[in-house]
């Protein structure tokens, strides 16, 4: 059985996210920084009329932000996690592909479980679940603090 994935680049590595979670892929627009936010939350942006928190996946996954010279390819992948709309900033959104479940392997590296799609020609794609990309501290911040900020921005 195969499943569709949106592939994207973060810190020059290829990742895949099940398309079921993805609501949109947009060009990044102006991001308003929010003081004292977690490092990965680079601010808020208006996307399709909604104020959305923007999380830089390079920071989340590799502790390094997206290089500003890369913004010409950068995209925001919009997902909904626990009823909260969140935009993941990535270096590049690549394609939507079908990945056969038998090509996905569980790998344990340093006590952390990863799923990796091993495709033809040695292409490896790290499979991500957007719910696991946000730690509880960051999610609590988005759910509580950013909701208040968004309401203030809309007023």
N, C-alpha and C. Protein backbone atom coordinates (compact mmCIF):
# COMPACT_ATOMS: atom_id res chain seq x y z
N UNK A 1 0.84 -1.18 0.00
CA UNK A 1 0.00 0.00 0.00
C UNK A 1 0.89 1.25 0.00
N UNK A 2 0.52 2.24 -0.79
CA UNK A 2 1.32 3.47 -0.83
C UNK A 2 0.51 4.63 -0.26
N UNK A 3 1.25 5.66 0.10
CA UNK A 3 0.67 6.86 0.69
C UNK A 3 1.36 8.06 0.06
N UNK A 4 0.64 9.18 -0.07
CA UNK A 4 1.20 10.39 -0.65
C UNK A 4 1.91 11.22 0.43
N UNK A 5 3.06 11.77 0.05
CA UNK A 5 3.86 12.61 0.94
C UNK A 5 4.26 13.88 0.21
N UNK A 6 4.28 14.99 0.93
CA UNK A 6 4.86 16.24 0.44
C UNK A 6 6.33 16.19 0.85
N UNK A 7 7.22 16.34 -0.11
CA UNK A 7 8.64 16.34 0.24
C UNK A 7 9.14 17.78 0.32
N UNK A 8 10.07 18.00 1.24
CA UNK A 8 10.62 19.34 1.44
C UNK A 8 12.05 19.21 1.93
N UNK A 9 12.75 20.34 1.86
CA UNK A 9 14.15 20.40 2.28
C UNK A 9 14.25 21.24 3.55
N UNK A 10 14.98 20.71 4.51
CA UNK A 10 15.36 21.45 5.72
C UNK A 10 16.84 21.14 5.96
N UNK A 11 17.63 22.18 6.04
CA UNK A 11 19.08 22.08 6.25
C UNK A 11 19.70 21.09 5.25
N UNK A 12 19.31 21.22 4.01
CA UNK A 12 19.84 20.43 2.89
C UNK A 12 19.51 18.94 2.95
N UNK A 13 18.59 18.55 3.82
CA UNK A 13 18.15 17.15 3.90
C UNK A 13 16.71 17.07 3.42
N UNK A 14 16.36 15.93 2.81
CA UNK A 14 15.01 15.76 2.28
C UNK A 14 14.11 15.04 3.29
N UNK A 15 12.94 15.63 3.49
CA UNK A 15 11.96 15.09 4.42
C UNK A 15 10.65 14.86 3.67
N UNK A 16 9.81 14.02 4.25
CA UNK A 16 8.48 13.81 3.70
C UNK A 16 7.45 13.90 4.82
N UNK A 17 6.32 14.52 4.52
CA UNK A 17 5.23 14.67 5.48
C UNK A 17 3.97 14.11 4.81
N UNK A 18 3.22 13.25 5.51
CA UNK A 18 1.99 12.73 4.90
C UNK A 18 1.09 13.88 4.44
N UNK A 19 0.62 13.79 3.22
CA UNK A 19 -0.17 14.87 2.64
C UNK A 19 -1.47 15.10 3.41
N UNK A 20 -1.94 14.09 4.14
CA UNK A 20 -3.18 14.23 4.91
C UNK A 20 -3.12 15.40 5.89
N UNK A 21 -1.92 15.76 6.35
CA UNK A 21 -1.76 16.84 7.32
C UNK A 21 -1.64 18.21 6.67
N UNK A 22 -1.34 18.25 5.38
CA UNK A 22 -0.99 19.50 4.71
C UNK A 22 -2.25 20.19 4.17
N UNK A 23 -2.44 21.46 4.58
CA UNK A 23 -3.57 22.26 4.09
C UNK A 23 -3.19 23.14 2.91
N UNK A 24 -1.94 23.61 2.89
CA UNK A 24 -1.48 24.48 1.81
C UNK A 24 0.04 24.56 1.81
N UNK A 25 0.56 25.01 0.68
CA UNK A 25 1.98 25.36 0.55
C UNK A 25 1.99 26.74 -0.08
N UNK A 26 2.59 27.70 0.62
CA UNK A 26 2.57 29.10 0.17
C UNK A 26 3.98 29.70 0.19
N UNK A 27 4.15 30.76 -0.57
CA UNK A 27 5.36 31.58 -0.45
C UNK A 27 5.32 32.27 0.90
N UNK A 28 6.46 32.40 1.57
CA UNK A 28 6.45 33.13 2.83
C UNK A 28 6.19 34.61 2.60
N UNK A 29 5.39 35.20 3.47
CA UNK A 29 5.16 36.64 3.39
C UNK A 29 5.80 37.27 4.63
N UNK A 30 5.53 38.54 4.84
CA UNK A 30 6.13 39.25 5.97
C UNK A 30 5.85 38.51 7.28
N UNK A 31 6.91 38.28 8.04
CA UNK A 31 6.80 37.63 9.34
C UNK A 31 7.04 38.68 10.43
N UNK A 32 6.08 38.81 11.34
CA UNK A 32 6.22 39.72 12.47
C UNK A 32 6.78 38.93 13.65
N UNK A 33 7.93 39.35 14.14
CA UNK A 33 8.56 38.65 15.25
C UNK A 33 7.79 38.91 16.55
N UNK A 34 7.78 37.91 17.41
CA UNK A 34 7.11 38.00 18.70
C UNK A 34 8.19 37.88 19.78
N UNK A 35 8.33 38.91 20.65
CA UNK A 35 9.35 38.85 21.70
C UNK A 35 9.15 37.65 22.63
N UNK A 36 10.26 37.10 23.08
CA UNK A 36 10.29 36.02 24.08
C UNK A 36 9.60 34.74 23.62
N UNK A 37 9.51 34.53 22.32
CA UNK A 37 8.92 33.29 21.82
C UNK A 37 10.01 32.21 21.78
N UNK A 38 9.62 30.93 21.76
CA UNK A 38 10.62 29.87 21.60
C UNK A 38 11.43 30.10 20.33
N UNK A 39 12.67 29.65 20.31
CA UNK A 39 13.58 29.93 19.19
C UNK A 39 13.01 29.51 17.84
N UNK A 40 12.32 28.38 17.79
CA UNK A 40 11.83 27.89 16.50
C UNK A 40 10.63 28.69 15.97
N UNK A 41 9.93 29.40 16.86
CA UNK A 41 8.78 30.21 16.44
C UNK A 41 9.33 31.57 16.01
N UNK A 42 9.46 31.75 14.70
CA UNK A 42 10.11 32.98 14.22
C UNK A 42 9.14 34.15 14.15
N UNK A 43 7.85 33.90 14.39
CA UNK A 43 6.88 34.99 14.42
C UNK A 43 5.53 34.55 13.90
N UNK A 44 4.75 35.55 13.47
CA UNK A 44 3.42 35.29 12.92
C UNK A 44 3.34 35.93 11.54
N UNK A 45 2.46 35.38 10.73
CA UNK A 45 2.27 35.90 9.38
C UNK A 45 0.80 35.73 9.02
N UNK A 46 0.33 36.56 8.11
CA UNK A 46 -1.04 36.41 7.62
C UNK A 46 -1.00 35.56 6.36
N UNK A 47 -1.68 34.42 6.43
CA UNK A 47 -1.74 33.51 5.29
C UNK A 47 -3.20 33.18 5.04
N UNK A 48 -3.64 33.47 3.82
CA UNK A 48 -5.02 33.23 3.42
C UNK A 48 -6.01 33.86 4.42
N UNK A 49 -5.66 35.05 4.90
CA UNK A 49 -6.53 35.81 5.78
C UNK A 49 -6.46 35.42 7.25
N UNK A 50 -5.66 34.44 7.59
CA UNK A 50 -5.53 34.01 8.99
C UNK A 50 -4.15 34.36 9.53
N UNK A 51 -4.08 34.74 10.79
CA UNK A 51 -2.80 34.97 11.46
C UNK A 51 -2.29 33.61 11.92
N UNK A 52 -1.10 33.25 11.44
CA UNK A 52 -0.57 31.90 11.65
C UNK A 52 0.83 32.00 12.27
N UNK A 53 1.10 31.20 13.33
CA UNK A 53 2.47 31.13 13.85
C UNK A 53 3.36 30.42 12.83
N UNK A 54 4.58 30.94 12.64
CA UNK A 54 5.52 30.36 11.69
C UNK A 54 6.67 29.72 12.46
N UNK A 55 6.89 28.43 12.20
CA UNK A 55 7.97 27.68 12.84
C UNK A 55 9.01 27.34 11.78
N UNK A 56 10.25 27.71 12.04
CA UNK A 56 11.36 27.42 11.13
C UNK A 56 11.81 25.98 11.40
N UNK A 57 11.55 25.08 10.46
CA UNK A 57 11.92 23.68 10.67
C UNK A 57 13.42 23.46 10.70
N UNK A 58 14.20 24.35 10.11
CA UNK A 58 15.66 24.23 10.24
C UNK A 58 16.07 24.37 11.70
N UNK A 59 15.44 25.28 12.42
CA UNK A 59 15.74 25.45 13.85
C UNK A 59 15.22 24.25 14.63
N UNK A 60 13.99 23.84 14.35
CA UNK A 60 13.40 22.71 15.06
C UNK A 60 14.25 21.44 14.90
N UNK A 61 14.68 21.17 13.68
CA UNK A 61 15.37 19.91 13.41
C UNK A 61 16.89 19.98 13.56
N UNK A 62 17.48 21.16 13.32
CA UNK A 62 18.94 21.24 13.29
C UNK A 62 19.53 22.40 14.09
N UNK A 63 18.71 23.16 14.80
CA UNK A 63 19.17 24.31 15.58
C UNK A 63 19.86 25.39 14.74
N UNK A 64 19.52 25.47 13.45
CA UNK A 64 20.07 26.50 12.56
C UNK A 64 18.94 27.04 11.72
N UNK A 65 18.78 28.36 11.68
CA UNK A 65 17.71 28.97 10.91
C UNK A 65 17.97 28.92 9.42
N UNK A 66 16.93 29.18 8.65
CA UNK A 66 17.07 29.23 7.19
C UNK A 66 17.93 30.42 6.81
N UNK A 67 18.87 30.18 5.92
CA UNK A 67 19.74 31.22 5.39
C UNK A 67 18.88 32.16 4.55
N UNK A 68 18.95 33.45 4.84
CA UNK A 68 18.10 34.41 4.12
C UNK A 68 18.31 34.40 2.61
N UNK A 69 19.49 33.99 2.15
CA UNK A 69 19.71 33.91 0.70
C UNK A 69 18.91 32.76 0.08
N UNK A 70 18.40 31.86 0.92
CA UNK A 70 17.61 30.71 0.44
C UNK A 70 16.13 31.04 0.31
N UNK A 71 15.70 32.24 0.71
CA UNK A 71 14.28 32.55 0.77
C UNK A 71 13.60 32.54 -0.59
N UNK A 72 14.34 32.59 -1.68
CA UNK A 72 13.68 32.55 -2.99
C UNK A 72 13.02 31.19 -3.24
N UNK A 73 13.50 30.13 -2.61
CA UNK A 73 12.90 28.81 -2.73
C UNK A 73 12.05 28.44 -1.52
N UNK A 74 12.17 29.22 -0.45
CA UNK A 74 11.48 28.87 0.81
C UNK A 74 9.96 28.85 0.62
N UNK A 75 9.32 27.99 1.39
CA UNK A 75 7.87 27.86 1.38
C UNK A 75 7.37 27.67 2.81
N UNK A 76 6.10 27.98 2.99
CA UNK A 76 5.42 27.70 4.26
C UNK A 76 4.45 26.56 4.00
N UNK A 77 4.61 25.49 4.76
CA UNK A 77 3.70 24.35 4.66
C UNK A 77 2.72 24.49 5.82
N UNK A 78 1.45 24.68 5.49
CA UNK A 78 0.42 24.89 6.51
C UNK A 78 -0.19 23.57 6.94
N UNK A 79 -0.22 23.37 8.26
CA UNK A 79 -0.80 22.15 8.83
C UNK A 79 -1.71 22.53 10.00
N UNK A 80 -2.53 21.61 10.42
CA UNK A 80 -3.35 21.81 11.61
C UNK A 80 -2.92 20.76 12.62
N UNK A 81 -2.51 21.23 13.81
CA UNK A 81 -2.11 20.34 14.90
C UNK A 81 -2.98 20.67 16.09
N UNK A 82 -3.74 19.69 16.57
CA UNK A 82 -4.64 19.89 17.71
C UNK A 82 -5.48 21.15 17.56
N UNK A 83 -6.09 21.33 16.44
CA UNK A 83 -6.96 22.46 16.12
C UNK A 83 -6.23 23.79 15.94
N UNK A 84 -4.91 23.82 16.02
CA UNK A 84 -4.14 25.05 15.80
C UNK A 84 -3.53 25.03 14.41
N UNK A 85 -3.74 26.11 13.65
CA UNK A 85 -3.11 26.23 12.33
C UNK A 85 -1.68 26.71 12.53
N UNK A 86 -0.74 26.00 11.91
CA UNK A 86 0.68 26.30 12.07
C UNK A 86 1.33 26.28 10.70
N UNK A 87 2.26 27.21 10.48
CA UNK A 87 3.02 27.23 9.23
C UNK A 87 4.44 26.80 9.50
N UNK A 88 4.89 25.78 8.78
CA UNK A 88 6.28 25.32 8.88
C UNK A 88 7.07 25.95 7.75
N UNK A 89 8.07 26.76 8.09
CA UNK A 89 8.94 27.36 7.09
C UNK A 89 10.01 26.34 6.72
N UNK A 90 10.13 26.04 5.43
CA UNK A 90 11.12 25.08 4.94
C UNK A 90 11.94 25.74 3.84
N UNK A 91 13.13 25.21 3.59
CA UNK A 91 14.00 25.77 2.55
C UNK A 91 13.38 25.65 1.17
N UNK A 92 12.68 24.55 0.95
CA UNK A 92 12.11 24.31 -0.37
C UNK A 92 11.05 23.22 -0.24
N UNK A 93 9.92 23.39 -0.90
CA UNK A 93 8.93 22.32 -1.03
C UNK A 93 9.20 21.69 -2.39
N UNK A 94 9.37 20.39 -2.42
CA UNK A 94 9.81 19.74 -3.65
C UNK A 94 8.67 19.19 -4.50
N UNK A 95 8.01 18.15 -3.98
CA UNK A 95 7.02 17.46 -4.80
C UNK A 95 6.08 16.66 -3.92
N UNK A 96 5.06 16.14 -4.55
CA UNK A 96 4.16 15.19 -3.88
C UNK A 96 4.45 13.84 -4.53
N UNK A 97 4.81 12.87 -3.69
CA UNK A 97 5.16 11.55 -4.24
C UNK A 97 4.42 10.45 -3.50
N UNK A 98 4.24 9.34 -4.18
CA UNK A 98 3.71 8.13 -3.57
C UNK A 98 4.88 7.33 -3.03
N UNK A 99 4.78 6.93 -1.77
CA UNK A 99 5.81 6.08 -1.19
C UNK A 99 5.13 4.81 -0.71
N UNK A 100 5.64 3.68 -1.19
CA UNK A 100 5.12 2.40 -0.79
C UNK A 100 5.55 2.12 0.65
N UNK A 101 4.61 1.68 1.47
CA UNK A 101 4.88 1.43 2.90
C UNK A 101 6.03 0.44 3.09
N UNK A 102 6.21 -0.49 2.15
CA UNK A 102 7.30 -1.47 2.32
C UNK A 102 8.68 -0.84 2.11
N UNK A 103 8.73 0.39 1.57
CA UNK A 103 10.00 1.10 1.42
C UNK A 103 10.36 1.94 2.65
N UNK A 104 9.47 1.96 3.64
CA UNK A 104 9.73 2.75 4.85
C UNK A 104 10.26 1.84 5.95
N UNK A 105 11.38 2.25 6.51
CA UNK A 105 12.03 1.47 7.56
C UNK A 105 12.12 2.27 8.85
N UNK A 106 12.02 1.60 9.97
CA UNK A 106 12.25 2.22 11.28
C UNK A 106 13.74 2.13 11.57
N UNK A 107 14.32 3.24 11.98
CA UNK A 107 15.74 3.27 12.31
C UNK A 107 15.87 3.89 13.70
N UNK A 108 16.67 3.27 14.55
CA UNK A 108 16.92 3.79 15.88
C UNK A 108 18.32 4.38 15.90
N UNK A 109 18.40 5.69 16.10
CA UNK A 109 19.69 6.38 16.12
C UNK A 109 19.80 7.16 17.42
N UNK A 110 20.71 6.77 18.27
CA UNK A 110 20.90 7.49 19.52
C UNK A 110 19.66 7.51 20.40
N UNK A 111 18.89 6.43 20.37
CA UNK A 111 17.69 6.35 21.20
C UNK A 111 16.47 7.03 20.61
N UNK A 112 16.60 7.59 19.41
CA UNK A 112 15.47 8.27 18.76
C UNK A 112 15.03 7.42 17.58
N UNK A 113 13.72 7.20 17.47
CA UNK A 113 13.16 6.43 16.36
C UNK A 113 12.92 7.33 15.15
N UNK A 114 13.38 6.90 14.01
CA UNK A 114 13.13 7.61 12.76
C UNK A 114 12.47 6.66 11.78
N UNK A 115 11.69 7.23 10.87
CA UNK A 115 11.19 6.48 9.73
C UNK A 115 11.89 7.04 8.51
N UNK A 116 12.45 6.14 7.72
CA UNK A 116 13.18 6.57 6.53
C UNK A 116 12.65 5.80 5.33
N UNK A 117 12.30 6.55 4.28
CA UNK A 117 11.90 5.93 3.03
C UNK A 117 13.16 5.71 2.20
N UNK A 118 13.41 4.47 1.86
CA UNK A 118 14.57 4.09 1.06
C UNK A 118 14.07 3.85 -0.36
N UNK A 119 14.28 4.84 -1.23
CA UNK A 119 13.74 4.79 -2.59
C UNK A 119 14.82 4.40 -3.59
N UNK A 120 14.41 4.31 -4.85
CA UNK A 120 15.34 3.95 -5.92
C UNK A 120 16.50 4.94 -5.99
N UNK A 121 17.60 4.47 -6.54
CA UNK A 121 18.80 5.29 -6.75
C UNK A 121 19.39 5.82 -5.45
N UNK A 122 19.13 5.15 -4.33
CA UNK A 122 19.71 5.55 -3.06
C UNK A 122 19.09 6.79 -2.43
N UNK A 123 17.96 7.24 -2.95
CA UNK A 123 17.29 8.43 -2.40
C UNK A 123 16.67 8.08 -1.05
N UNK A 124 17.05 8.82 -0.02
CA UNK A 124 16.53 8.61 1.33
C UNK A 124 15.69 9.82 1.73
N UNK A 125 14.50 9.57 2.25
CA UNK A 125 13.62 10.64 2.71
C UNK A 125 13.24 10.35 4.15
N UNK A 126 13.54 11.29 5.05
CA UNK A 126 13.14 11.15 6.44
C UNK A 126 11.67 11.51 6.55
N UNK A 127 10.88 10.59 7.10
CA UNK A 127 9.44 10.78 7.21
C UNK A 127 9.14 11.49 8.53
N UNK A 128 8.35 12.55 8.46
CA UNK A 128 8.02 13.33 9.65
C UNK A 128 6.52 13.30 9.90
N UNK A 129 6.18 13.47 11.16
CA UNK A 129 4.80 13.64 11.58
C UNK A 129 4.73 15.03 12.19
N UNK A 130 3.91 15.93 11.64
CA UNK A 130 3.92 17.32 12.14
C UNK A 130 3.61 17.42 13.63
N UNK A 131 2.87 16.47 14.17
CA UNK A 131 2.56 16.50 15.61
C UNK A 131 3.80 16.28 16.45
N UNK A 132 4.80 15.60 15.87
CA UNK A 132 6.04 15.34 16.61
C UNK A 132 7.10 16.40 16.38
N UNK A 133 6.84 17.34 15.48
CA UNK A 133 7.81 18.40 15.19
C UNK A 133 7.70 19.56 16.17
N UNK A 134 6.67 19.55 16.99
CA UNK A 134 6.46 20.65 17.93
C UNK A 134 6.51 20.09 19.34
N UNK A 135 7.49 20.53 20.12
CA UNK A 135 7.54 20.04 21.50
C UNK A 135 6.44 20.69 22.32
N UNK A 136 6.18 20.14 23.50
CA UNK A 136 5.03 20.60 24.30
C UNK A 136 5.17 22.06 24.72
N UNK A 137 6.38 22.51 25.01
CA UNK A 137 6.59 23.91 25.41
C UNK A 137 6.21 24.86 24.27
N UNK A 138 6.67 24.53 23.07
CA UNK A 138 6.35 25.35 21.90
C UNK A 138 4.87 25.32 21.61
N UNK A 139 4.26 24.14 21.70
CA UNK A 139 2.83 24.04 21.41
C UNK A 139 2.02 24.83 22.45
N UNK A 140 2.39 24.73 23.73
CA UNK A 140 1.69 25.50 24.76
C UNK A 140 1.80 26.99 24.47
N UNK A 141 2.98 27.44 24.03
CA UNK A 141 3.17 28.84 23.69
C UNK A 141 2.24 29.25 22.55
N UNK A 142 2.19 28.42 21.51
CA UNK A 142 1.32 28.73 20.36
C UNK A 142 -0.14 28.75 20.78
N UNK A 143 -0.53 27.75 21.55
CA UNK A 143 -1.93 27.62 21.94
C UNK A 143 -2.38 28.76 22.85
N UNK A 144 -1.50 29.20 23.75
CA UNK A 144 -1.89 30.23 24.72
C UNK A 144 -1.46 31.63 24.31
N UNK A 145 -0.17 31.87 24.23
CA UNK A 145 0.36 33.21 23.97
C UNK A 145 0.03 33.71 22.56
N UNK A 146 0.21 32.86 21.57
CA UNK A 146 0.04 33.32 20.20
C UNK A 146 -1.43 33.55 19.88
N UNK A 147 -2.31 32.80 20.51
CA UNK A 147 -3.75 33.02 20.29
C UNK A 147 -4.12 34.43 20.76
N UNK A 148 -3.56 34.83 21.90
CA UNK A 148 -3.82 36.18 22.42
C UNK A 148 -3.23 37.23 21.48
N UNK A 149 -2.00 36.98 20.97
CA UNK A 149 -1.35 37.91 20.06
C UNK A 149 -2.17 38.05 18.77
N UNK A 150 -2.64 36.93 18.24
CA UNK A 150 -3.42 36.96 17.00
C UNK A 150 -4.70 37.74 17.21
N UNK A 151 -5.36 37.58 18.37
CA UNK A 151 -6.58 38.32 18.64
C UNK A 151 -6.31 39.81 18.71
N UNK A 152 -5.16 40.19 19.30
CA UNK A 152 -4.78 41.60 19.40
C UNK A 152 -4.51 42.16 18.00
N UNK A 153 -3.79 41.37 17.15
CA UNK A 153 -3.47 41.82 15.79
C UNK A 153 -4.73 42.05 14.96
N UNK A 154 -5.75 41.18 15.17
CA UNK A 154 -6.97 41.28 14.39
C UNK A 154 -7.83 42.46 14.83
N UNK A 155 -7.70 42.89 16.09
CA UNK A 155 -8.55 43.97 16.64
C UNK A 155 -8.21 45.33 16.08
